[in-house]
Amino acid sequence: MYYIISKCLVFLHLRERDVQATNREFTALCLEKEEKAIEEEQWSAGA
């Protein structure tokens, strides 16, 4: 999970000069991936 977050932050940093809209879209995508990872962890723990 933390690996996904750091990877997204690095990507956002590299894209700083791009338009804010693109950054917001990518941030939303990162959060979505993070949520899926959390769900998978919870499912694995509950299984």
C-alpha atoms as a PDB file:
ATOM      1  CA  MET A   1       0.000   0.000   0.000  1.00  0.00           C
ATOM      2  CA  TYR A   2       2.700   2.483   0.991  1.00  0.00           C
ATOM      3  CA  TYR A   3       4.664   1.613  -2.154  1.00  0.00           C
ATOM      4  CA  ILE A   4       1.676   2.619  -4.296  1.00  0.00           C
ATOM      5  CA  ILE A   5       1.356   5.959  -2.476  1.00  0.00           C
ATOM      6  CA  SER A   6       5.054   6.846  -2.781  1.00  0.00           C
ATOM      7  CA  LYS A   7       5.043   5.886  -6.458  1.00  0.00           C
ATOM      8  CA  CYS A   8       2.094   8.231  -7.043  1.00  0.00           C
ATOM      9  CA  LEU A   9       3.755  11.075  -5.148  1.00  0.00           C
ATOM     10  CA  VAL A  10       6.938  10.715  -7.205  1.00  0.00           C
ATOM     11  CA  PHE A  11       4.900  10.738 -10.401  1.00  0.00           C
ATOM     12  CA  LEU A  12       2.965  13.829  -9.282  1.00  0.00           C
ATOM     13  CA  HIS A  13       6.240  15.581  -8.440  1.00  0.00           C
ATOM     14  CA  LEU A  14       7.603  14.839 -11.908  1.00  0.00           C
ATOM     15  CA  ARG A  15       4.406  16.176 -13.465  1.00  0.00           C
ATOM     16  CA  GLU A  16       4.391  19.427 -11.443  1.00  0.00           C
ATOM     17  CA  ARG A  17       4.695  21.581 -14.546  1.00  0.00           C
ATOM     18  CA  ASP A  18       1.613  19.976 -16.116  1.00  0.00           C
ATOM     19  CA  VAL A  19      -1.898  21.332 -15.714  1.00  0.00           C
ATOM     20  CA  GLN A  20      -3.563  20.958 -12.311  1.00  0.00           C
ATOM     21  CA  ALA A  21      -6.511  19.081 -13.798  1.00  0.00           C
ATOM     22  CA  THR A  22      -4.239  16.239 -14.884  1.00  0.00           C
ATOM     23  CA  ASN A  23      -2.717  16.068 -11.407  1.00  0.00           C
ATOM     24  CA  ARG A  24      -6.153  15.901  -9.800  1.00  0.00           C
ATOM     25  CA  GLU A  25      -7.188  13.081 -12.127  1.00  0.00           C
ATOM     26  CA  PHE A  26      -4.032  11.136 -11.336  1.00  0.00           C
ATOM     27  CA  THR A  27      -4.456  11.730  -7.600  1.00  0.00           C
ATOM     28  CA  ALA A  28      -7.987  10.325  -7.817  1.00  0.00           C
ATOM     29  CA  LEU A  29      -6.613   7.283  -9.641  1.00  0.00           C
ATOM     30  CA  CYS A  30      -3.966   6.790  -6.939  1.00  0.00           C
ATOM     31  CA  LEU A  31      -6.561   6.987  -4.171  1.00  0.00           C
ATOM     32  CA  GLU A  32      -8.711   4.454  -5.999  1.00  0.00           C
ATOM     33  CA  LYS A  33      -5.764   2.037  -6.234  1.00  0.00           C
ATOM     34  CA  GLU A  34      -4.989   2.609  -2.549  1.00  0.00           C
ATOM     35  CA  GLU A  35      -8.589   1.811  -1.566  1.00  0.00           C
ATOM     36  CA  LYS A  36      -8.479  -1.416  -3.594  1.00  0.00           C
ATOM     37  CA  ALA A  37      -5.224  -2.403  -1.887  1.00  0.00           C
ATOM     38  CA  ILE A  38      -6.777  -1.772   1.544  1.00  0.00           C
ATOM     39  CA  GLU A  39      -9.843  -3.824   0.605  1.00  0.00           C
ATOM     40  CA  GLU A  40      -7.620  -6.688  -0.548  1.00  0.00           C
ATOM     41  CA  GLU A  41      -5.658  -6.558   2.719  1.00  0.00           C
ATOM     42  CA  GLN A  42      -8.866  -6.619   4.765  1.00  0.00           C
ATOM     43  CA  TRP A  43     -10.284  -9.464   2.671  1.00  0.00           C
ATOM     44  CA  SER A  44      -7.068 -11.471   3.097  1.00  0.00           C
ATOM     45  CA  ALA A  45      -7.119 -10.883   6.848  1.00  0.00           C
ATOM     46  CA  GLY A  46     -10.758 -11.946   7.075  1.00  0.00           C
ATOM     47  CA  ALA A  47     -10.331 -15.059   4.910  1.00  0.00           C
END
